[in-house]
Amino acid sequence: LDSNPEFTASVIAAYARAVYKLSYENSFGCKTVFDIAPSYLSAKSAEE
Protein backbone atom coordinates (compact mmCIF):
# COMPACT_ATOMS: atom_id res chain seq x y z
CA LEU A 1 0.00 0.00 0.00
CA ASP A 2 1.29 3.43 -0.97
CA SER A 3 -1.15 4.98 1.50
CA ASN A 4 -2.34 3.08 4.55
CA PRO A 5 -5.19 5.53 5.38
CA GLU A 6 -6.44 5.80 1.80
CA PHE A 7 -6.64 2.03 1.39
CA THR A 8 -8.27 1.68 4.80
CA ALA A 9 -10.76 4.35 3.77
CA SER A 10 -11.57 2.46 0.57
CA VAL A 11 -12.38 -0.68 2.57
CA ILE A 12 -14.52 1.34 4.98
CA ALA A 13 -16.48 2.91 2.12
CA ALA A 14 -17.44 -0.53 0.82
CA TYR A 15 -18.60 -1.58 4.27
CA ALA A 16 -20.56 1.64 4.64
CA ARG A 17 -22.58 0.47 1.65
CA ALA A 18 -23.21 -2.86 3.37
CA VAL A 19 -24.32 -1.08 6.56
CA TYR A 20 -26.71 1.05 4.51
CA LYS A 21 -28.27 -2.05 2.94
CA LEU A 22 -28.57 -3.86 6.27
CA SER A 23 -30.21 -0.87 7.92
CA TYR A 24 -32.99 -1.03 5.33
CA GLU A 25 -33.49 -4.69 6.24
CA ASN A 26 -33.85 -3.67 9.93
CA SER A 27 -30.76 -5.74 10.75
CA PHE A 28 -29.81 -3.69 13.78
CA GLY A 29 -26.93 -4.06 16.23
CA CYS A 30 -23.20 -4.43 15.71
CA LYS A 31 -21.55 -6.41 12.92
CA THR A 32 -18.02 -7.30 11.88
CA VAL A 33 -16.62 -8.18 8.46
CA PHE A 34 -17.42 -11.83 9.24
CA ASP A 35 -21.14 -11.05 9.23
CA ILE A 36 -21.32 -9.31 5.85
CA ALA A 37 -22.17 -11.18 2.67
CA PRO A 38 -19.70 -10.19 -0.08
CA SER A 39 -22.47 -8.99 -2.39
CA TYR A 40 -23.47 -6.34 0.18
CA LEU A 41 -20.15 -4.58 -0.44
CA SER A 42 -20.85 -4.03 -4.11
CA ALA A 43 -22.93 -1.44 -5.91
CA LYS A 44 -23.58 -4.04 -8.64
CA SER A 45 -26.73 -6.13 -8.70
CA ALA A 46 -26.67 -9.85 -7.94
CA GLU A 47 -27.18 -10.53 -11.66
CA GLU A 48 -24.21 -8.35 -12.61
ModelCIF file with pLDDT and N, C-alpha, C, O atoms, coordinates in Angstrom:
data_MODEL
#
_entry.id   MODEL 
#
_entity.id                         1 
_entity.type                       polymer 
_entity.pdbx_number_of_molecules   1 
#
_entity_poly.entity_id                      1 
_entity_poly.type                           'polypeptide(L)' 
_entity_poly.nstd_linkage                   no 
_entity_poly.nstd_monomer                   no 
_entity_poly.pdbx_seq_one_letter_code       LDSNPEFTASVIAAYARAVYKLSYENSFGCKTVFDIAPSYLSAKSAEE 
_entity_poly.pdbx_seq_one_letter_code_can   LDSNPEFTASVIAAYARAVYKLSYENSFGCKTVFDIAPSYLSAKSAEE 
_entity_poly.pdbx_strand_id                 A 
#
loop_
_entity_poly_seq.entity_id 
_entity_poly_seq.num 
_entity_poly_seq.mon_id 
_entity_poly_seq.hetero 
1 1  LEU n 
1 2  ASP n 
1 3  SER n 
1 4  ASN n 
1 5  PRO n 
1 6  GLU n 
1 7  PHE n 
1 8  THR n 
1 9  ALA n 
1 10 SER n 
1 11 VAL n 
1 12 ILE n 
1 13 ALA n 
1 14 ALA n 
1 15 TYR n 
1 16 ALA n 
1 17 ARG n 
1 18 ALA n 
1 19 VAL n 
1 20 TYR n 
1 21 LYS n 
1 22 LEU n 
1 23 SER n 
1 24 TYR n 
1 25 GLU n 
1 26 ASN n 
1 27 SER n 
1 28 PHE n 
1 29 GLY n 
1 30 CYS n 
1 31 LYS n 
1 32 THR n 
1 33 VAL n 
1 34 PHE n 
1 35 ASP n 
1 36 ILE n 
1 37 ALA n 
1 38 PRO n 
1 39 SER n 
1 40 TYR n 
1 41 LEU n 
1 42 SER n 
1 43 ALA n 
1 44 LYS n 
1 45 SER n 
1 46 ALA n 
1 47 GLU n 
1 48 GLU n 
#
_struct_asym.id          A 
_struct_asym.entity_id   1 
#
loop_
_ma_qa_metric.id 
_ma_qa_metric.mode 
_ma_qa_metric.name 
_ma_qa_metric.software_group_id 
_ma_qa_metric.type 
1 global pLDDT . pLDDT 
2 local  pLDDT . pLDDT 
#
_ma_qa_metric_global.metric_id      1 
_ma_qa_metric_global.metric_value   97.27 
_ma_qa_metric_global.model_id       1 
_ma_qa_metric_global.ordinal_id     1 
#
loop_
_ma_qa_metric_local.label_asym_id 
_ma_qa_metric_local.label_comp_id 
_ma_qa_metric_local.label_seq_id 
_ma_qa_metric_local.metric_id 
_ma_qa_metric_local.metric_value 
_ma_qa_metric_local.model_id 
_ma_qa_metric_local.ordinal_id 
A LEU 1  2 95.00 1 1  
A ASP 2  2 95.00 1 2  
A SER 3  2 94.00 1 3  
A ASN 4  2 90.00 1 4  
A PRO 5  2 92.00 1 5  
A GLU 6  2 96.00 1 6  
A PHE 7  2 96.00 1 7  
A THR 8  2 96.00 1 8  
A ALA 9  2 98.00 1 9  
A SER 10 2 98.00 1 10 
A VAL 11 2 98.00 1 11 
A ILE 12 2 98.00 1 12 
A ALA 13 2 98.00 1 13 
A ALA 14 2 98.00 1 14 
A TYR 15 2 98.00 1 15 
A ALA 16 2 98.00 1 16 
A ARG 17 2 98.00 1 17 
A ALA 18 2 98.00 1 18 
A VAL 19 2 98.00 1 19 
A TYR 20 2 98.00 1 20 
A LYS 21 2 98.00 1 21 
A LEU 22 2 98.00 1 22 
A SER 23 2 98.00 1 23 
A TYR 24 2 97.00 1 24 
A GLU 25 2 98.00 1 25 
A ASN 26 2 98.00 1 26 
A SER 27 2 98.00 1 27 
A PHE 28 2 98.00 1 28 
A GLY 29 2 98.00 1 29 
A CYS 30 2 98.00 1 30 
A LYS 31 2 98.00 1 31 
A THR 32 2 98.00 1 32 
A VAL 33 2 98.00 1 33 
A PHE 34 2 98.00 1 34 
A ASP 35 2 98.00 1 35 
A ILE 36 2 98.00 1 36 
A ALA 37 2 98.00 1 37 
A PRO 38 2 98.00 1 38 
A SER 39 2 98.00 1 39 
A TYR 40 2 98.00 1 40 
A LEU 41 2 98.00 1 41 
A SER 42 2 98.00 1 42 
A ALA 43 2 98.00 1 43 
A LYS 44 2 97.00 1 44 
A SER 45 2 97.00 1 45 
A ALA 46 2 96.00 1 46 
A GLU 47 2 98.00 1 47 
A GLU 48 2 98.00 1 48 
#
loop_
_atom_site.group_PDB 
_atom_site.id 
_atom_site.type_symbol 
_atom_site.label_atom_id 
_atom_site.label_alt_id 
_atom_site.label_comp_id 
_atom_site.label_asym_id 
_atom_site.label_entity_id 
_atom_site.label_seq_id 
_atom_site.pdbx_PDB_ins_code 
_atom_site.Cartn_x 
_atom_site.Cartn_y 
_atom_site.Cartn_z 
_atom_site.occupancy 
_atom_site.B_iso_or_equiv 
_atom_site.pdbx_formal_charge 
_atom_site.auth_seq_id 
_atom_site.auth_comp_id 
_atom_site.auth_asym_id 
_atom_site.auth_atom_id 
_atom_site.pdbx_PDB_model_num 
ATOM 1   N N  . LEU A 1 1  ? 0.814   -1.206  0.000   1.00 95.00 ? 1  LEU A N  1 
ATOM 2   C CA . LEU A 1 1  ? 0.000   0.000   0.000   1.00 95.00 ? 1  LEU A CA 1 
ATOM 3   C C  . LEU A 1 1  ? 0.851   1.261   0.000   1.00 95.00 ? 1  LEU A C  1 
ATOM 4   O O  . LEU A 1 1  ? 1.691   1.449   0.880   1.00 95.00 ? 1  LEU A O  1 
ATOM 5   N N  . ASP A 1 2  ? 0.635   2.120   -0.982  1.00 95.00 ? 2  ASP A N  1 
ATOM 6   C CA . ASP A 1 2  ? 1.286   3.433   -0.972  1.00 95.00 ? 2  ASP A CA 1 
ATOM 7   C C  . ASP A 1 2  ? 0.764   4.298   0.163   1.00 95.00 ? 2  ASP A C  1 
ATOM 8   O O  . ASP A 1 2  ? 1.511   5.068   0.766   1.00 95.00 ? 2  ASP A O  1 
ATOM 9   N N  . SER A 1 3  ? -0.531  4.164   0.450   1.00 94.00 ? 3  SER A N  1 
ATOM 10  C CA . SER A 1 3  ? -1.150  4.981   1.497   1.00 94.00 ? 3  SER A CA 1 
ATOM 11  C C  . SER A 1 3  ? -2.033  4.104   2.374   1.00 94.00 ? 3  SER A C  1 
ATOM 12  O O  . SER A 1 3  ? -3.111  3.676   1.961   1.00 94.00 ? 3  SER A O  1 
ATOM 13  N N  . ASN A 1 4  ? -1.562  3.844   3.583   1.00 90.00 ? 4  ASN A N  1 
ATOM 14  C CA . ASN A 1 4  ? -2.337  3.080   4.550   1.00 90.00 ? 4  ASN A CA 1 
ATOM 15  C C  . ASN A 1 4  ? -3.726  3.686   4.777   1.00 90.00 ? 4  ASN A C  1 
ATOM 16  O O  . ASN A 1 4  ? -4.714  2.962   4.657   1.00 90.00 ? 4  ASN A O  1 
ATOM 17  N N  . PRO A 1 5  ? -3.847  4.981   5.100   1.00 92.00 ? 5  PRO A N  1 
ATOM 18  C CA . PRO A 1 5  ? -5.190  5.527   5.378   1.00 92.00 ? 5  PRO A CA 1 
ATOM 19  C C  . PRO A 1 5  ? -6.099  5.541   4.172   1.00 92.00 ? 5  PRO A C  1 
ATOM 20  O O  . PRO A 1 5  ? -7.303  5.337   4.325   1.00 92.00 ? 5  PRO A O  1 
ATOM 21  N N  . GLU A 1 6  ? -5.575  5.774   2.971   1.00 96.00 ? 6  GLU A N  1 
ATOM 22  C CA . GLU A 1 6  ? -6.443  5.802   1.796   1.00 96.00 ? 6  GLU A CA 1 
ATOM 23  C C  . GLU A 1 6  ? -6.971  4.414   1.462   1.00 96.00 ? 6  GLU A C  1 
ATOM 24  O O  . GLU A 1 6  ? -8.123  4.275   1.050   1.00 96.00 ? 6  GLU A O  1 
ATOM 25  N N  . PHE A 1 7  ? -6.140  3.378   1.634   1.00 96.00 ? 7  PHE A N  1 
ATOM 26  C CA . PHE A 1 7  ? -6.635  2.026   1.389   1.00 96.00 ? 7  PHE A CA 1 
ATOM 27  C C  . PHE A 1 7  ? -7.645  1.638   2.458   1.00 96.00 ? 7  PHE A C  1 
ATOM 28  O O  . PHE A 1 7  ? -8.695  1.073   2.153   1.00 96.00 ? 7  PHE A O  1 
ATOM 29  N N  . THR A 1 8  ? -7.326  1.944   3.716   1.00 96.00 ? 8  THR A N  1 
ATOM 30  C CA . THR A 1 8  ? -8.268  1.675   4.801   1.00 96.00 ? 8  THR A CA 1 
ATOM 31  C C  . THR A 1 8  ? -9.604  2.356   4.530   1.00 96.00 ? 8  THR A C  1 
ATOM 32  O O  . THR A 1 8  ? -10.665 1.764   4.728   1.00 96.00 ? 8  THR A O  1 
ATOM 33  N N  . ALA A 1 9  ? -9.543  3.599   4.078   1.00 98.00 ? 9  ALA A N  1 
ATOM 34  C CA . ALA A 1 9  ? -10.759 4.351   3.765   1.00 98.00 ? 9  ALA A CA 1 
ATOM 35  C C  . ALA A 1 9  ? -11.554 3.682   2.657   1.00 98.00 ? 9  ALA A C  1 
ATOM 36  O O  . ALA A 1 9  ? -12.784 3.675   2.698   1.00 98.00 ? 9  ALA A O  1 
ATOM 37  N N  . SER A 1 10 ? -10.875 3.125   1.675   1.00 98.00 ? 10 SER A N  1 
ATOM 38  C CA . SER A 1 10 ? -11.568 2.460   0.571   1.00 98.00 ? 10 SER A CA 1 
ATOM 39  C C  . SER A 1 10 ? -12.303 1.212   1.050   1.00 98.00 ? 10 SER A C  1 
ATOM 40  O O  . SER A 1 10 ? -13.403 0.918   0.585   1.00 98.00 ? 10 SER A O  1 
ATOM 41  N N  . VAL A 1 11 ? -11.692 0.482   1.981   1.00 98.00 ? 11 VAL A N  1 
ATOM 42  C CA . VAL A 1 11 ? -12.375 -0.678  2.574   1.00 98.00 ? 11 VAL A CA 1 
ATOM 43  C C  . VAL A 1 11 ? -13.600 -0.214  3.357   1.00 98.00 ? 11 VAL A C  1 
ATOM 44  O O  . VAL A 1 11 ? -14.681 -0.790  3.238   1.00 98.00 ? 11 VAL A O  1 
ATOM 45  N N  . ILE A 1 12 ? -13.419 0.825   4.152   1.00 98.00 ? 12 ILE A N  1 
ATOM 46  C CA . ILE A 1 12 ? -14.524 1.339   4.980   1.00 98.00 ? 12 ILE A CA 1 
ATOM 47  C C  . ILE A 1 12 ? -15.691 1.791   4.118   1.00 98.00 ? 12 ILE A C  1 
ATOM 48  O O  . ILE A 1 12 ? -16.847 1.555   4.471   1.00 98.00 ? 12 ILE A O  1 
ATOM 49  N N  . ALA A 1 13 ? -15.407 2.438   2.995   1.00 98.00 ? 13 ALA A N  1 
ATOM 50  C CA . ALA A 1 13 ? -16.478 2.908   2.116   1.00 98.00 ? 13 ALA A CA 1 
ATOM 51  C C  . ALA A 1 13 ? -17.333 1.748   1.618   1.00 98.00 ? 13 ALA A C  1 
ATOM 52  O O  . ALA A 1 13 ? -18.557 1.855   1.552   1.00 98.00 ? 13 ALA A O  1 
ATOM 53  N N  . ALA A 1 14 ? -16.688 0.646   1.271   1.00 98.00 ? 14 ALA A N  1 
ATOM 54  C CA . ALA A 1 14 ? -17.440 -0.529  0.819   1.00 98.00 ? 14 ALA A CA 1 
ATOM 55  C C  . ALA A 1 14 ? -18.327 -1.068  1.938   1.00 98.00 ? 14 ALA A C  1 
ATOM 56  O O  . ALA A 1 14 ? -19.468 -1.463  1.699   1.00 98.00 ? 14 ALA A O  1 
ATOM 57  N N  . TYR A 1 15 ? -17.800 -1.081  3.151   1.00 98.00 ? 15 TYR A N  1 
ATOM 58  C CA . TYR A 1 15 ? -18.601 -1.577  4.275   1.00 98.00 ? 15 TYR A CA 1 
ATOM 59  C C  . TYR A 1 15 ? -19.680 -0.598  4.691   1.00 98.00 ? 15 TYR A C  1 
ATOM 60  O O  . TYR A 1 15 ? -20.692 -0.997  5.266   1.00 98.00 ? 15 TYR A O  1 
ATOM 61  N N  . ALA A 1 16 ? -19.478 0.679   4.407   1.00 98.00 ? 16 ALA A N  1 
ATOM 62  C CA . ALA A 1 16 ? -20.560 1.644   4.644   1.00 98.00 ? 16 ALA A CA 1 
ATOM 63  C C  . ALA A 1 16 ? -21.760 1.318   3.758   1.00 98.00 ? 16 ALA A C  1 
ATOM 64  O O  . ALA A 1 16 ? -22.907 1.459   4.181   1.00 98.00 ? 16 ALA A O  1 
ATOM 65  N N  . ARG A 1 17 ? -21.492 0.887   2.545   1.00 98.00 ? 17 ARG A N  1 
ATOM 66  C CA . ARG A 1 17 ? -22.584 0.471   1.648   1.00 98.00 ? 17 ARG A CA 1 
ATOM 67  C C  . ARG A 1 17 ? -23.330 -0.721  2.242   1.00 98.00 ? 17 ARG A C  1 
ATOM 68  O O  . ARG A 1 17 ? -24.560 -0.768  2.221   1.00 98.00 ? 17 ARG A O  1 
ATOM 69  N N  . ALA A 1 18 ? -22.576 -1.679  2.769   1.00 98.00 ? 18 ALA A N  1 
ATOM 70  C CA . ALA A 1 18 ? -23.208 -2.856  3.375   1.00 98.00 ? 18 ALA A CA 1 
ATOM 71  C C  . ALA A 1 18 ? -24.064 -2.464  4.575   1.00 98.00 ? 18 ALA A C  1 
ATOM 72  O O  . ALA A 1 18 ? -25.165 -2.985  4.749   1.00 98.00 ? 18 ALA A O  1 
ATOM 73  N N  . VAL A 1 19 ? -23.563 -1.550  5.400   1.00 98.00 ? 19 VAL A N  1 
ATOM 74  C CA . VAL A 1 19 ? -24.322 -1.082  6.562   1.00 98.00 ? 19 VAL A CA 1 
ATOM 75  C C  . VAL A 1 19 ? -25.615 -0.405  6.113   1.00 98.00 ? 19 VAL A C  1 
ATOM 76  O O  . VAL A 1 19 ? -26.670 -0.602  6.716   1.00 98.00 ? 19 VAL A O  1 
ATOM 77  N N  . TYR A 1 20 ? -25.526 0.379   5.068   1.00 98.00 ? 20 TYR A N  1 
ATOM 78  C CA . TYR A 1 20 ? -26.707 1.054   4.514   1.00 98.00 ? 20 TYR A CA 1 
ATOM 79  C C  . TYR A 1 20 ? -27.758 0.025   4.088   1.00 98.00 ? 20 TYR A C  1 
ATOM 80  O O  . TYR A 1 20 ? -28.941 0.184   4.390   1.00 98.00 ? 20 TYR A O  1 
ATOM 81  N N  . LYS A 1 21 ? -27.330 -1.023  3.390   1.00 98.00 ? 21 LYS A N  1 
ATOM 82  C CA . LYS A 1 21 ? -28.267 -2.054  2.945   1.00 98.00 ? 21 LYS A CA 1 
ATOM 83  C C  . LYS A 1 21 ? -28.889 -2.789  4.133   1.00 98.00 ? 21 LYS A C  1 
ATOM 84  O O  . LYS A 1 21 ? -30.094 -3.041  4.152   1.00 98.00 ? 21 LYS A O  1 
ATOM 85  N N  . LEU A 1 22 ? -28.068 -3.129  5.115   1.00 98.00 ? 22 LEU A N  1 
ATOM 86  C CA . LEU A 1 22 ? -28.570 -3.863  6.275   1.00 98.00 ? 22 LEU A CA 1 
ATOM 87  C C  . LEU A 1 22 ? -29.552 -3.029  7.095   1.00 98.00 ? 22 LEU A C  1 
ATOM 88  O O  . LEU A 1 22 ? -30.509 -3.554  7.665   1.00 98.00 ? 22 LEU A O  1 
ATOM 89  N N  . SER A 1 23 ? -29.297 -1.721  7.145   1.00 98.00 ? 23 SER A N  1 
ATOM 90  C CA . SER A 1 23 ? -30.205 -0.871  7.916   1.00 98.00 ? 23 SER A CA 1 
ATOM 91  C C  . SER A 1 23 ? -31.608 -0.873  7.315   1.00 98.00 ? 23 SER A C  1 
ATOM 92  O O  . SER A 1 23 ? -32.599 -0.776  8.037   1.00 98.00 ? 23 SER A O  1 
ATOM 93  N N  . TYR A 1 24 ? -31.685 -0.982  5.987   1.00 97.00 ? 24 TYR A N  1 
ATOM 94  C CA . TYR A 1 24 ? -32.988 -1.034  5.334   1.00 97.00 ? 24 TYR A CA 1 
ATOM 95  C C  . TYR A 1 24 ? -33.680 -2.380  5.533   1.00 97.00 ? 24 TYR A C  1 
ATOM 96  O O  . TYR A 1 24 ? -34.888 -2.501  5.330   1.00 97.00 ? 24 TYR A O  1 
ATOM 97  N N  . GLU A 1 25 ? -32.916 -3.377  5.928   1.00 98.00 ? 25 GLU A N  1 
ATOM 98  C CA . GLU A 1 25 ? -33.490 -4.687  6.243   1.00 98.00 ? 25 GLU A CA 1 
ATOM 99  C C  . GLU A 1 25 ? -33.813 -4.806  7.736   1.00 98.00 ? 25 GLU A C  1 
ATOM 100 O O  . GLU A 1 25 ? -34.209 -5.868  8.215   1.00 98.00 ? 25 GLU A O  1 
ATOM 101 N N  . ASN A 1 26 ? -33.633 -3.682  8.469   1.00 98.00 ? 26 ASN A N  1 
ATOM 102 C CA . ASN A 1 26 ? -33.850 -3.671  9.928   1.00 98.00 ? 26 ASN A CA 1 
ATOM 103 C C  . ASN A 1 26 ? -32.953 -4.676  10.645  1.00 98.00 ? 26 ASN A C  1 
ATOM 104 O O  . ASN A 1 26 ? -33.341 -5.262  11.655  1.00 98.00 ? 26 ASN A O  1 
ATOM 105 N N  . SER A 1 27 ? -31.749 -4.866  10.106  1.00 98.00 ? 27 SER A N  1 
ATOM 106 C CA . SER A 1 27 ? -30.759 -5.741  10.750  1.00 98.00 ? 27 SER A CA 1 
ATOM 107 C C  . SER A 1 27 ? -29.913 -4.877  11.674  1.00 98.00 ? 27 SER A C  1 
ATOM 108 O O  . SER A 1 27 ? -28.824 -4.436  11.306  1.00 98.00 ? 27 SER A O  1 
ATOM 109 N N  . PHE A 1 28 ? -30.426 -4.643  12.876  1.00 98.00 ? 28 PHE A N  1 
ATOM 110 C CA . PHE A 1 28 ? -29.808 -3.691  13.785  1.00 98.00 ? 28 PHE A CA 1 
ATOM 111 C C  . PHE A 1 28 ? -28.783 -4.374  14.695  1.00 98.00 ? 28 PHE A C  1 
ATOM 112 O O  . PHE A 1 28 ? -28.724 -5.601  14.782  1.00 98.00 ? 28 PHE A O  1 
ATOM 113 N N  . GLY A 1 29 ? -27.985 -3.555  15.362  1.00 98.00 ? 29 GLY A N  1 
ATOM 114 C CA . GLY A 1 29 ? -26.930 -4.056  16.226  1.00 98.00 ? 29 GLY A CA 1 
ATOM 115 C C  . GLY A 1 29 ? -25.579 -3.963  15.552  1.00 98.00 ? 29 GLY A C  1 
ATOM 116 O O  . GLY A 1 29 ? -25.445 -3.389  14.471  1.00 98.00 ? 29 GLY A O  1 
ATOM 117 N N  . CYS A 1 30 ? -24.582 -4.534  16.202  1.00 98.00 ? 30 CYS A N  1 
ATOM 118 C CA . CYS A 1 30 ? -23.200 -4.434  15.710  1.00 98.00 ? 30 CYS A CA 1 
ATOM 119 C C  . CYS A 1 30 ? -22.831 -5.633  14.854  1.00 98.00 ? 30 CYS A C  1 
ATOM 120 O O  . CYS A 1 30 ? -23.245 -6.760  15.125  1.00 98.00 ? 30 CYS A O  1 
ATOM 121 N N  . LYS A 1 31 ? -22.048 -5.375  13.821  1.00 98.00 ? 31 LYS A N  1 
ATOM 122 C CA . LYS A 1 31 ? -21.552 -6.409  12.917  1.00 98.00 ? 31 LYS A CA 1 
ATOM 123 C C  . LYS A 1 31 ? -20.031 -6.293  12.819  1.00 98.00 ? 31 LYS A C  1 
ATOM 124 O O  . LYS A 1 31 ? -19.442 -5.279  13.195  1.00 98.00 ? 31 LYS A O  1 
ATOM 125 N N  . THR A 1 32 ? -19.414 -7.354  12.306  1.00 98.00 ? 32 THR A N  1 
ATOM 126 C CA . THR A 1 32 ? -18.017 -7.299  11.878  1.00 98.00 ? 32 THR A CA 1 
ATOM 127 C C  . THR A 1 32 ? -17.949 -7.766  10.433  1.00 98.00 ? 32 THR A C  1 
ATOM 128 O O  . THR A 1 32 ? -18.968 -8.138  9.850   1.00 98.00 ? 32 THR A O  1 
ATOM 129 N N  . VAL A 1 33 ? -16.768 -7.749  9.860   1.00 98.00 ? 33 VAL A N  1 
ATOM 130 C CA . VAL A 1 33 ? -16.618 -8.180  8.462   1.00 98.00 ? 33 VAL A CA 1 
ATOM 131 C C  . VAL A 1 33 ? -17.046 -9.633  8.284   1.00 98.00 ? 33 VAL A C  1 
ATOM 132 O O  . VAL A 1 33 ? -17.415 -10.031 7.179   1.00 98.00 ? 33 VAL A O  1 
ATOM 133 N N  . PHE A 1 34 ? -17.005 -10.434 9.349   1.00 98.00 ? 34 PHE A N  1 
ATOM 134 C CA . PHE A 1 34 ? -17.422 -11.832 9.237   1.00 98.00 ? 34 PHE A CA 1 
ATOM 135 C C  . PHE A 1 34 ? -18.919 -11.979 8.986   1.00 98.00 ? 34 PHE A C  1 
ATOM 136 O O  . PHE A 1 34 ? -19.366 -13.015 8.493   1.00 98.00 ? 34 PHE A O  1 
ATOM 137 N N  . ASP A 1 35 ? -19.678 -10.975 9.315   1.00 98.00 ? 35 ASP A N  1 
ATOM 138 C CA . ASP A 1 35 ? -21.144 -11.054 9.234   1.00 98.00 ? 35 ASP A CA 1 
ATOM 139 C C  . ASP A 1 35 ? -21.711 -10.528 7.923   1.00 98.00 ? 35 ASP A C  1 
ATOM 140 O O  . ASP A 1 35 ? -22.919 -10.604 7.696   1.00 98.00 ? 35 ASP A O  1 
ATOM 141 N N  . ILE A 1 36 ? -20.852 -9.996  7.059   1.00 98.00 ? 36 ILE A N  1 
ATOM 142 C CA . ILE A 1 36 ? -21.319 -9.305  5.854   1.00 98.00 ? 36 ILE A CA 1 
ATOM 143 C C  . ILE A 1 36 ? -21.150 -10.186 4.626   1.00 98.00 ? 36 ILE A C  1 
ATOM 144 O O  . ILE A 1 36 ? -20.042 -10.620 4.311   1.00 98.00 ? 36 ILE A O  1 
ATOM 145 N N  . ALA A 1 37 ? -22.256 -10.449 3.935   1.00 98.00 ? 37 ALA A N  1 
ATOM 146 C CA . ALA A 1 37 ? -22.171 -11.180 2.668   1.00 98.00 ? 37 ALA A CA 1 
ATOM 147 C C  . ALA A 1 37 ? -21.398 -10.348 1.649   1.00 98.00 ? 37 ALA A C  1 
ATOM 148 O O  . ALA A 1 37 ? -21.608 -9.138  1.567   1.00 98.00 ? 37 ALA A O  1 
ATOM 149 N N  . PRO A 1 38 ? -20.508 -10.964 0.869   1.00 98.00 ? 38 PRO A N  1 
ATOM 150 C CA . PRO A 1 38 ? -19.697 -10.194 -0.077  1.00 98.00 ? 38 PRO A CA 1 
ATOM 151 C C  . PRO A 1 38 ? -20.512 -9.319  -1.021  1.00 98.00 ? 38 PRO A C  1 
ATOM 152 O O  . PRO A 1 38 ? -20.071 -8.224  -1.373  1.00 98.00 ? 38 PRO A O  1 
ATOM 153 N N  . SER A 1 39 ? -21.676 -9.769  -1.434  1.00 98.00 ? 39 SER A N  1 
ATOM 154 C CA . SER A 1 39 ? -22.475 -8.993  -2.388  1.00 98.00 ? 39 SER A CA 1 
ATOM 155 C C  . SER A 1 39 ? -22.949 -7.666  -1.793  1.00 98.00 ? 39 SER A C  1 
ATOM 156 O O  . SER A 1 39 ? -23.252 -6.732  -2.534  1.00 98.00 ? 39 SER A O  1 
ATOM 157 N N  . TYR A 1 40 ? -23.014 -7.575  -0.467  1.00 98.00 ? 40 TYR A N  1 
ATOM 158 C CA . TYR A 1 40 ? -23.466 -6.336  0.175   1.00 98.00 ? 40 TYR A CA 1 
ATOM 159 C C  . TYR A 1 40 ? -22.426 -5.225  0.048   1.00 98.00 ? 40 TYR A C  1 
ATOM 160 O O  . TYR A 1 40 ? -22.743 -4.053  0.246   1.00 98.00 ? 40 TYR A O  1 
ATOM 161 N N  . LEU A 1 41 ? -21.196 -5.586  -0.279  1.00 98.00 ? 41 LEU A N  1 
ATOM 162 C CA . LEU A 1 41 ? -20.146 -4.580  -0.439  1.00 98.00 ? 41 LEU A CA 1 
ATOM 163 C C  . LEU A 1 41 ? -20.214 -3.886  -1.789  1.00 98.00 ? 41 LEU A C  1 
ATOM 164 O O  . LEU A 1 41 ? -19.656 -2.802  -1.962  1.00 98.00 ? 41 LEU A O  1 
ATOM 165 N N  . SER A 1 42 ? -20.883 -4.493  -2.729  1.00 98.00 ? 42 SER A N  1 
ATOM 166 C CA . SER A 1 42 ? -20.850 -4.032  -4.114  1.00 98.00 ? 42 SER A CA 1 
ATOM 167 C C  . SER A 1 42 ? -22.058 -3.180  -4.471  1.00 98.00 ? 42 SER A C  1 
ATOM 168 O O  . SER A 1 42 ? -23.159 -3.382  -3.960  1.00 98.00 ? 42 SER A O  1 
ATOM 169 N N  . ALA A 1 43 ? -21.824 -2.228  -5.355  1.00 98.00 ? 43 ALA A N  1 
ATOM 170 C CA . ALA A 1 43 ? -22.926 -1.439  -5.909  1.00 98.00 ? 43 ALA A CA 1 
ATOM 171 C C  . ALA A 1 43 ? -23.597 -2.170  -7.067  1.00 98.00 ? 43 ALA A C  1 
ATOM 172 O O  . ALA A 1 43 ? -24.652 -1.741  -7.536  1.00 98.00 ? 43 ALA A O  1 
ATOM 173 N N  . LYS A 1 44 ? -23.005 -3.264  -7.534  1.00 97.00 ? 44 LYS A N  1 
ATOM 174 C CA . LYS A 1 44 ? -23.577 -4.040  -8.639  1.00 97.00 ? 44 LYS A CA 1 
ATOM 175 C C  . LYS A 1 44 ? -24.723 -4.917  -8.136  1.00 97.00 ? 44 LYS A C  1 
ATOM 176 O O  . LYS A 1 44 ? -24.771 -5.290  -6.964  1.00 97.00 ? 44 LYS A O  1 
ATOM 177 N N  . SER A 1 45 ? -25.631 -5.232  -9.038  1.00 97.00 ? 45 SER A N  1 
ATOM 178 C CA . SER A 1 45 ? -26.734 -6.129  -8.701  1.00 97.00 ? 45 SER A CA 1 
ATOM 179 C C  . SER A 1 45 ? -26.216 -7.565  -8.617  1.00 97.00 ? 45 SER A C  1 
ATOM 180 O O  . SER A 1 45 ? -25.113 -7.874  -9.067  1.00 97.00 ? 45 SER A O  1 
ATOM 181 N N  . ALA A 1 46 ? -27.045 -8.434  -8.028  1.00 96.00 ? 46 ALA A N  1 
ATOM 182 C CA . ALA A 1 46 ? -26.674 -9.846  -7.940  1.00 96.00 ? 46 ALA A CA 1 
ATOM 183 C C  . ALA A 1 46 ? -26.475 -10.440 -9.330  1.00 96.00 ? 46 ALA A C  1 
ATOM 184 O O  . ALA A 1 46 ? -25.588 -11.269 -9.535  1.00 96.00 ? 46 ALA A O  1 
ATOM 185 N N  . GLU A 1 47 ? -27.304 -10.014 -10.285 1.00 98.00 ? 47 GLU A N  1 
ATOM 186 C CA . GLU A 1 47 ? -27.177 -10.531 -11.658 1.00 98.00 ? 47 GLU A CA 1 
ATOM 187 C C  . GLU A 1 47 ? -25.847 -10.096 -12.284 1.00 98.00 ? 47 GLU A C  1 
ATOM 188 O O  . GLU A 1 47 ? -25.174 -10.885 -12.946 1.00 98.00 ? 47 GLU A O  1 
ATOM 189 N N  . GLU A 1 48 ? -25.483 -8.839  -12.065 1.00 98.00 ? 48 GLU A N  1 
ATOM 190 C CA . GLU A 1 48 ? -24.211 -8.346  -12.606 1.00 98.00 ? 48 GLU A CA 1 
ATOM 191 C C  . GLU A 1 48 ? -23.022 -9.065  -11.985 1.00 98.00 ? 48 GLU A C  1 
ATOM 192 O O  . GLU A 1 48 ? -21.877 -8.773  -12.328 1.00 98.00 ? 48 GLU A O  1 
#
